[in-house]
């Protein structure tokens, strides 16, 4: 009895890839979106390679000489050999007499299919099939994640902070279920002064998606000007439905942002729409950006009027364009000079960036 048990343990496992495996592949298709046909082809290719590597004579025969039939009825494999009258290569040639046992009409130069005893490399075949399925799942998930998040580039998403890297980078979990993927918020893309802890919810702007060898890496930002744009689109119905348009954004993350807006329809106050009732809409954006100040001004095709608005909240006496240049000279009341320039020149700098115009500010007493 003991010898029989030992013999059973040492026997090669039976290779049974039939209806049960195909049912599993169909479940996999529903769960992961991996087509059954794709996995079958991967399995056939892997089994071909496994046979080529596991031959007793260690011959690396061409892949086209191995035929794999895989269906719900089971698995069969054949070695395709050329019929010859004198055999020189036993791996790829078969004598005509032996060939006619397989095909009575075989002639020299024909090919015949000689069945391969699958059980001789059954364990390897089973392991290969398992590895192919696992690798196929990983590749399909990576491909699906890449396609999914590629369509979300330049969009705003909400994620959960997973962990903080010693380098300062933050890893964020985006999406749910099958669409779940990790993103990297690099230190350079974080708002200065912000802190993060695992479990925090955070809104991020998707910069790009990169397909790595093991996973799909999503690059996100909290400093990009378009994060402000997406936040206002979320809070302001008039922007979402096209009544109000955001024209330009100038931002110094964590400190201050200027945005210019214009009405696409008459009788719409673009600034009022963005500010919202009792300032609720702009307050929601400021809160999301952890206190970053936001100035909202009206866009104008008239450069002088645009510059005047961009220097808000400072009062402006006059704006004079510089001939032949996209530049202007601005005169402000003496008591408004520091406000127009701003702390460390920030207000003037953001106004110039918003309008694309070089601005020279002078007090009224020196104009």
Protein backbone atom coordinates (compact mmCIF):
# COMPACT_ATOMS: atom_id res chain seq x y z
CA UNK A 1 0.00 0.00 0.00
CA UNK A 2 2.83 2.39 0.91
CA UNK A 3 4.52 1.87 -2.46
CA UNK A 4 1.28 2.59 -4.30
CA UNK A 5 0.78 5.83 -2.36
CA UNK A 6 4.33 6.92 -3.12
CA UNK A 7 3.87 6.13 -6.78
CA UNK A 8 0.74 8.23 -6.90
CA UNK A 9 2.57 11.18 -5.34
CA UNK A 10 5.38 10.99 -7.87
CA UNK A 11 3.12 10.67 -10.90
CA UNK A 12 2.86 13.73 -13.12
CA UNK A 13 -0.41 15.61 -12.60
CA UNK A 14 -3.02 15.23 -15.28
CA UNK A 15 -3.41 18.31 -17.49
CA UNK A 16 -7.11 19.06 -17.60
CA UNK A 17 -7.76 22.38 -19.29
CA UNK A 18 -11.36 22.10 -20.33
CA UNK A 19 -14.77 23.48 -19.51
CA UNK A 20 -13.82 24.35 -15.92
CA UNK A 21 -10.82 26.43 -17.02
CA UNK A 22 -12.84 28.19 -19.69
CA UNK A 23 -15.50 28.98 -17.09
CA UNK A 24 -12.78 30.52 -14.94
CA UNK A 25 -11.52 32.54 -17.90
CA UNK A 26 -15.03 33.83 -18.53
CA UNK A 27 -15.32 34.87 -14.88
CA UNK A 28 -11.97 36.59 -15.25
CA UNK A 29 -13.25 38.44 -18.30
CA UNK A 30 -16.25 39.72 -16.36
CA UNK A 31 -14.17 40.71 -13.34
CA UNK A 32 -11.09 42.19 -15.01
CA UNK A 33 -12.23 42.78 -18.57
CA UNK A 34 -9.60 40.41 -20.00
CA UNK A 35 -10.97 38.72 -23.17
CA UNK A 36 -11.08 34.91 -23.04
CA UNK A 37 -9.55 34.75 -26.53
CA UNK A 38 -6.58 36.84 -25.36
CA UNK A 39 -5.87 34.53 -22.41
CA UNK A 40 -6.28 31.40 -24.55
CA UNK A 41 -3.68 32.71 -27.03
CA UNK A 42 -1.33 33.57 -24.16
CA UNK A 43 -1.75 30.06 -22.73
CA UNK A 44 -1.11 28.43 -26.09
CA UNK A 45 2.04 30.47 -26.61
CA UNK A 46 3.28 29.72 -23.09
CA UNK A 47 2.65 25.99 -23.47
CA UNK A 48 4.51 26.03 -26.78
CA UNK A 49 7.51 27.68 -25.15
CA UNK A 50 7.33 25.32 -22.17
CA UNK A 51 7.48 22.28 -24.44
CA UNK A 52 10.38 23.71 -26.43
CA UNK A 53 12.40 24.28 -23.24
CA UNK A 54 11.52 20.93 -21.63
CA UNK A 55 12.43 18.57 -24.50
CA UNK A 56 14.55 15.62 -23.51
CA UNK A 57 17.00 16.28 -26.34
CA UNK A 58 17.22 19.97 -25.30
CA UNK A 59 16.59 21.03 -28.89
CA UNK A 60 15.20 24.54 -29.23
CA UNK A 61 12.89 23.76 -32.11
CA UNK A 62 11.01 26.53 -33.96
CA UNK A 63 7.70 27.59 -32.44
CA UNK A 64 5.88 27.04 -35.71
CA UNK A 65 6.65 23.31 -35.42
CA UNK A 66 4.55 23.05 -32.25
CA UNK A 67 0.78 23.08 -32.57
CA UNK A 68 -1.43 23.60 -29.53
CA UNK A 69 -5.17 22.96 -29.54
CA UNK A 70 -6.92 24.39 -26.53
CA UNK A 71 -10.69 24.26 -26.19
CA UNK A 72 -13.40 23.51 -23.68
CA UNK A 73 -12.98 19.84 -24.59
CA UNK A 74 -9.39 19.82 -23.41
CA UNK A 75 -5.78 20.30 -24.47
CA UNK A 76 -3.81 18.52 -27.19
CA UNK A 77 -0.39 19.27 -28.62
CA UNK A 78 1.34 18.15 -31.81
CA UNK A 79 4.83 18.29 -33.22
CA UNK A 80 4.78 19.17 -36.91
CA UNK A 81 7.41 17.18 -38.83
CA UNK A 82 8.47 17.07 -42.45
CA UNK A 83 8.15 13.74 -44.28
CA UNK A 84 11.48 12.52 -45.70
CA UNK A 85 12.95 9.29 -47.12
CA UNK A 86 16.15 9.65 -45.07
CA UNK A 87 15.92 11.20 -41.62
CA UNK A 88 18.75 13.57 -40.70
CA UNK A 89 17.01 15.61 -37.99
CA UNK A 90 14.86 13.44 -35.75
CA UNK A 91 13.39 16.49 -34.02
CA UNK A 92 11.88 17.98 -37.15
CA UNK A 93 11.78 15.08 -39.68
CA UNK A 94 9.92 11.80 -39.88
CA UNK A 95 10.55 8.79 -42.13
CA UNK A 96 7.91 8.27 -44.79
CA UNK A 97 6.98 4.82 -43.43
CA UNK A 98 6.28 6.23 -39.96
CA UNK A 99 4.49 9.21 -41.49
CA UNK A 100 2.11 6.92 -43.38
CA UNK A 101 1.03 5.43 -40.04
CA UNK A 102 -0.27 8.90 -39.27
CA UNK A 103 -1.42 9.80 -42.77
CA UNK A 104 -1.65 7.02 -45.38
CA UNK A 105 -1.37 9.56 -48.18
CA UNK A 106 1.82 11.23 -46.89
CA UNK A 107 4.49 12.00 -49.48
CA UNK A 108 8.07 13.27 -49.13
CA UNK A 109 8.00 17.00 -48.46
CA UNK A 110 4.58 16.87 -46.75
CA UNK A 111 4.13 17.67 -43.08
CA UNK A 112 2.39 15.48 -40.53
CA UNK A 113 1.26 16.10 -36.96
CA UNK A 114 2.74 13.77 -34.35
CA UNK A 115 0.92 13.90 -31.02
CA UNK A 116 2.95 15.00 -28.01
CA UNK A 117 2.55 13.14 -24.73
CA UNK A 118 1.42 16.04 -22.58
CA UNK A 119 1.75 14.09 -19.33
CA UNK A 120 5.53 14.01 -19.68
CA UNK A 121 5.68 17.69 -18.92
CA UNK A 122 2.34 17.99 -17.15
CA UNK A 123 3.66 19.69 -14.00
CA UNK A 124 5.51 22.27 -16.06
CA UNK A 125 2.43 22.81 -18.22
CA UNK A 126 0.25 23.38 -15.15
CA UNK A 127 2.73 25.82 -13.60
CA UNK A 128 3.13 27.63 -16.90
CA UNK A 129 -0.62 28.03 -17.28
CA UNK A 130 -0.87 29.46 -13.76
CA UNK A 131 1.97 31.94 -14.36
CA UNK A 132 0.45 33.05 -17.65
CA UNK A 133 -2.91 33.72 -16.04
CA UNK A 134 -1.31 35.74 -13.22
CA UNK A 135 0.88 37.70 -15.62
CA UNK A 136 -2.05 38.23 -17.98
CA UNK A 137 -4.14 39.65 -15.14
CA UNK A 138 -1.36 42.03 -14.14
CA UNK A 139 -0.78 43.20 -17.69
CA UNK A 140 -4.49 43.67 -18.33
CA UNK A 141 -4.96 45.58 -15.08
CA UNK A 142 -1.98 47.78 -15.91
CA UNK A 143 -3.30 48.38 -19.42
CA UNK A 144 -6.82 49.09 -18.16
CA UNK A 145 -5.49 51.51 -15.54
CA UNK A 146 -3.38 53.28 -18.16
CA UNK A 147 -6.34 53.67 -20.52
CA UNK A 148 -8.66 54.72 -17.71
CA UNK A 149 -6.40 57.42 -16.27
CA UNK A 150 -5.11 58.59 -19.64
CA UNK A 151 -8.65 59.79 -20.29
CA UNK A 152 -8.55 61.71 -17.01
CA UNK A 153 -5.41 63.74 -17.69
CA UNK A 154 -6.09 67.45 -17.03
CA UNK A 155 -9.00 66.55 -14.77
CA UNK A 156 -9.41 66.94 -11.01
CA UNK A 157 -9.83 63.79 -8.91
CA UNK A 158 -10.29 63.11 -5.21
CA UNK A 159 -7.95 60.64 -3.56
CA UNK A 160 -6.95 59.28 -0.18
CA UNK A 161 -3.44 59.76 1.19
CA UNK A 162 -1.80 56.34 1.53
CA UNK A 163 1.65 57.08 2.82
CA UNK A 164 4.38 59.68 2.97
CA UNK A 165 7.78 58.91 1.47
CA UNK A 166 10.91 60.05 3.33
CA UNK A 167 11.75 62.14 0.25
CA UNK A 168 8.61 64.20 0.86
CA UNK A 169 6.59 62.66 -1.97
CA UNK A 170 3.05 61.59 -1.09
CA UNK A 171 1.29 58.50 -2.46
CA UNK A 172 -2.44 58.92 -3.06
CA UNK A 173 -5.02 56.20 -3.75
CA UNK A 174 -7.38 57.19 -6.58
CA UNK A 175 -10.62 55.55 -7.67
CA UNK A 176 -12.49 52.57 -6.30
CA UNK A 177 -12.89 48.90 -7.17
CA UNK A 178 -11.40 47.92 -10.53
CA UNK A 179 -10.54 51.56 -11.28
CA UNK A 180 -8.40 51.91 -8.16
CA UNK A 181 -4.84 53.07 -8.76
CA UNK A 182 -2.07 54.83 -6.88
CA UNK A 183 -0.79 58.27 -7.78
CA UNK A 184 2.33 60.17 -6.81
CA UNK A 185 2.13 63.73 -5.53
CA UNK A 186 5.73 64.84 -5.73
CA UNK A 187 7.15 67.32 -3.25
CA UNK A 188 7.53 69.86 -6.07
CA UNK A 189 3.79 69.55 -6.85
CA UNK A 190 2.65 70.13 -3.26
CA UNK A 191 1.37 73.49 -2.01
CA UNK A 192 4.02 75.03 0.26
CA UNK A 193 3.04 74.72 3.90
CA UNK A 194 0.50 71.93 3.40
CA UNK A 195 0.83 68.79 5.50
CA UNK A 196 -0.64 65.36 4.82
CA UNK A 197 -1.48 62.32 6.91
CA UNK A 198 -2.57 58.81 5.87
CA UNK A 199 -6.33 58.75 5.39
CA UNK A 200 -6.65 62.42 4.42
CA UNK A 201 -8.91 63.17 1.46
CA UNK A 202 -7.22 65.41 -1.08
CA UNK A 203 -8.19 66.87 -4.45
CA UNK A 204 -5.49 66.66 -7.11
CA UNK A 205 -5.01 67.64 -10.75
CA UNK A 206 -3.88 64.80 -13.05
CA UNK A 207 -0.70 65.76 -14.91
CA UNK A 208 0.00 62.53 -16.77
CA UNK A 209 0.06 58.74 -16.74
CA UNK A 210 3.08 56.49 -17.26
CA UNK A 211 3.01 52.73 -17.84
CA UNK A 212 5.76 51.05 -15.83
CA UNK A 213 6.95 47.44 -15.89
CA UNK A 214 4.95 46.55 -12.79
CA UNK A 215 2.22 49.16 -12.51
CA UNK A 216 0.73 52.35 -13.90
CA UNK A 217 2.01 55.54 -12.29
CA UNK A 218 -0.31 58.54 -12.22
CA UNK A 219 1.39 61.91 -11.69
CA UNK A 220 -0.75 64.50 -9.88
CA UNK A 221 -0.38 68.09 -8.72
CA UNK A 222 -1.76 70.52 -6.17
CA UNK A 223 0.15 73.51 -7.54
CA UNK A 224 -1.04 73.54 -11.16
CA UNK A 225 -3.14 76.63 -12.07
CA UNK A 226 -5.79 74.40 -13.62
CA UNK A 227 -6.57 72.93 -10.20
CA UNK A 228 -8.09 76.33 -9.40
CA UNK A 229 -9.97 76.22 -12.70
CA UNK A 230 -11.44 72.79 -11.94
CA UNK A 231 -12.43 73.85 -8.41
CA UNK A 232 -14.35 76.85 -9.74
CA UNK A 233 -16.00 74.66 -12.40
CA UNK A 234 -17.13 72.39 -9.58
CA UNK A 235 -18.47 75.21 -7.40
CA UNK A 236 -19.91 77.50 -10.09
CA UNK A 237 -22.83 76.20 -12.19
CA UNK A 238 -22.51 79.20 -14.54
CA UNK A 239 -19.03 78.01 -15.53
CA UNK A 240 -20.14 74.39 -15.94
CA UNK A 241 -23.01 75.34 -18.26
CA UNK A 242 -20.97 77.87 -20.30
CA UNK A 243 -22.50 81.14 -19.08
CA UNK A 244 -19.18 82.23 -17.57
CA UNK A 245 -15.71 81.53 -18.97
CA UNK A 246 -12.40 81.51 -17.11
CA UNK A 247 -9.95 83.23 -19.43
CA UNK A 248 -6.62 83.27 -17.58
CA UNK A 249 -5.12 82.16 -14.29
CA UNK A 250 -1.95 83.40 -12.59
CA UNK A 251 -1.00 81.51 -9.47
CA UNK A 252 1.62 81.41 -6.76
CA UNK A 253 0.55 78.24 -4.92
CA UNK A 254 -0.19 78.57 -1.24
CA UNK A 255 -0.13 82.35 -1.38
CA UNK A 256 -2.29 84.03 -4.00
CA UNK A 257 -4.10 83.47 -7.29
CA UNK A 258 -5.63 85.86 -9.79
CA UNK A 259 -8.21 84.67 -12.29
CA UNK A 260 -9.94 86.61 -15.05
CA UNK A 261 -13.47 85.75 -16.12
CA UNK A 262 -15.94 86.98 -18.67
CA UNK A 263 -19.63 86.45 -19.32
CA UNK A 264 -20.55 84.42 -22.38
CA UNK A 265 -24.16 85.62 -22.06
CA UNK A 266 -25.74 88.99 -21.39
CA UNK A 267 -27.12 89.89 -17.97
CA UNK A 268 -24.64 87.59 -16.23
CA UNK A 269 -22.22 88.97 -13.64
CA UNK A 270 -19.12 86.75 -14.09
CA UNK A 271 -17.37 87.89 -10.92
CA UNK A 272 -20.54 87.61 -8.84
CA UNK A 273 -21.18 84.11 -10.18
CA UNK A 274 -17.72 82.96 -9.07
CA UNK A 275 -17.95 84.67 -5.70
CA UNK A 276 -21.38 83.15 -5.09
CA UNK A 277 -24.09 84.03 -2.59
CA UNK A 278 -22.45 85.55 0.49
CA UNK A 279 -19.08 84.57 -0.98
CA UNK A 280 -19.78 80.89 -0.48
CA UNK A 281 -18.37 79.63 -3.78
CA UNK A 282 -15.01 81.36 -3.62
CA UNK A 283 -14.81 80.51 0.09
CA UNK A 284 -15.13 76.81 -0.75
CA UNK A 285 -12.22 77.08 -3.20
CA UNK A 286 -10.11 79.01 -0.69
CA UNK A 287 -10.81 76.37 1.95
CA UNK A 288 -9.77 73.56 -0.40
CA UNK A 289 -6.52 75.43 -1.07
CA UNK A 290 -5.99 75.96 2.67
CA UNK A 291 -6.34 79.73 2.75
CA UNK A 292 -4.79 80.71 -0.60
CA UNK A 293 -6.07 84.21 -1.46
CA UNK A 294 -8.01 84.52 -4.71
CA UNK A 295 -8.68 87.68 -6.73
CA UNK A 296 -11.38 87.47 -9.42
CA UNK A 297 -11.37 90.17 -12.11
CA UNK A 298 -13.24 90.83 -15.34
CA UNK A 299 -11.40 89.98 -18.54
CA UNK A 300 -11.28 92.62 -21.27
CA UNK A 301 -10.04 92.69 -24.86
CA UNK A 302 -8.88 96.22 -24.12
CA UNK A 303 -5.40 95.69 -22.68
CA UNK A 304 -5.48 98.91 -20.63
CA UNK A 305 -8.80 97.99 -19.04
CA UNK A 306 -7.55 94.45 -18.44
CA UNK A 307 -4.40 95.71 -16.68
CA UNK A 308 -6.48 98.12 -14.59
CA UNK A 309 -8.68 95.24 -13.41
CA UNK A 310 -5.74 92.89 -12.87
CA UNK A 311 -4.11 95.28 -10.39
CA UNK A 312 -7.17 95.04 -8.14
CA UNK A 313 -7.64 95.75 -5.25
CA UNK A 314 -5.46 98.81 -5.93
CA UNK A 315 -7.06 101.89 -7.48
CA UNK A 316 -5.58 102.98 -10.82
CA UNK A 317 -5.55 106.53 -12.18
CA UNK A 318 -4.36 105.76 -15.70
CA UNK A 319 -2.89 103.05 -17.92
CA UNK A 320 -0.77 104.09 -20.91
CA UNK A 321 0.42 101.50 -23.43
CA UNK A 322 4.05 101.53 -24.57
CA UNK A 323 4.19 101.84 -28.34
CA UNK A 324 5.52 98.77 -30.15
CA UNK A 325 5.56 96.61 -27.01
CA UNK A 326 3.15 94.59 -24.94
CA UNK A 327 3.85 96.84 -22.01
CA UNK A 328 2.22 99.73 -20.22
CA UNK A 329 2.82 102.43 -17.65
CA UNK A 330 0.38 102.56 -14.77
CA UNK A 331 -0.17 105.57 -12.53
CA UNK A 332 -1.68 105.04 -9.09
CA UNK A 333 -2.37 107.36 -6.14
CA UNK A 334 0.60 107.68 -3.84
CA UNK A 335 -1.24 105.93 -1.03
CA UNK A 336 -2.05 102.99 -3.36
CA UNK A 337 1.49 102.33 -4.55
CA UNK A 338 2.36 99.64 -2.02
CA UNK A 339 -1.02 97.97 -2.56
CA UNK A 340 -0.60 98.00 -6.34
CA UNK A 341 2.88 96.49 -6.11
CA UNK A 342 1.96 94.11 -3.30
CA UNK A 343 4.12 92.35 -0.74
CA UNK A 344 7.46 91.54 -2.37
CA UNK A 345 5.96 92.69 -5.69
CA UNK A 346 3.41 89.84 -5.77
CA UNK A 347 0.34 91.82 -6.89
CA UNK A 348 2.17 93.45 -9.79
CA UNK A 349 3.86 90.19 -10.71
CA UNK A 350 0.60 88.23 -10.81
CA UNK A 351 -1.15 91.02 -12.76
CA UNK A 352 1.62 90.96 -15.36
CA UNK A 353 1.41 87.18 -15.61
CA UNK A 354 -2.38 87.27 -15.89
CA UNK A 355 -2.45 89.86 -18.67
CA UNK A 356 0.79 88.87 -20.40
CA UNK A 357 1.77 92.54 -20.25
CA UNK A 358 4.86 94.13 -18.71
CA UNK A 359 3.67 96.64 -16.13
CA UNK A 360 5.59 99.70 -14.88
CA UNK A 361 3.84 101.21 -11.86
CA UNK A 362 4.45 104.82 -10.83
CA UNK A 363 2.99 106.94 -8.05
CA UNK A 364 0.95 109.99 -9.05
CA UNK A 365 3.54 112.37 -7.58
CA UNK A 366 6.23 111.10 -9.94
CA UNK A 367 4.12 110.56 -13.06
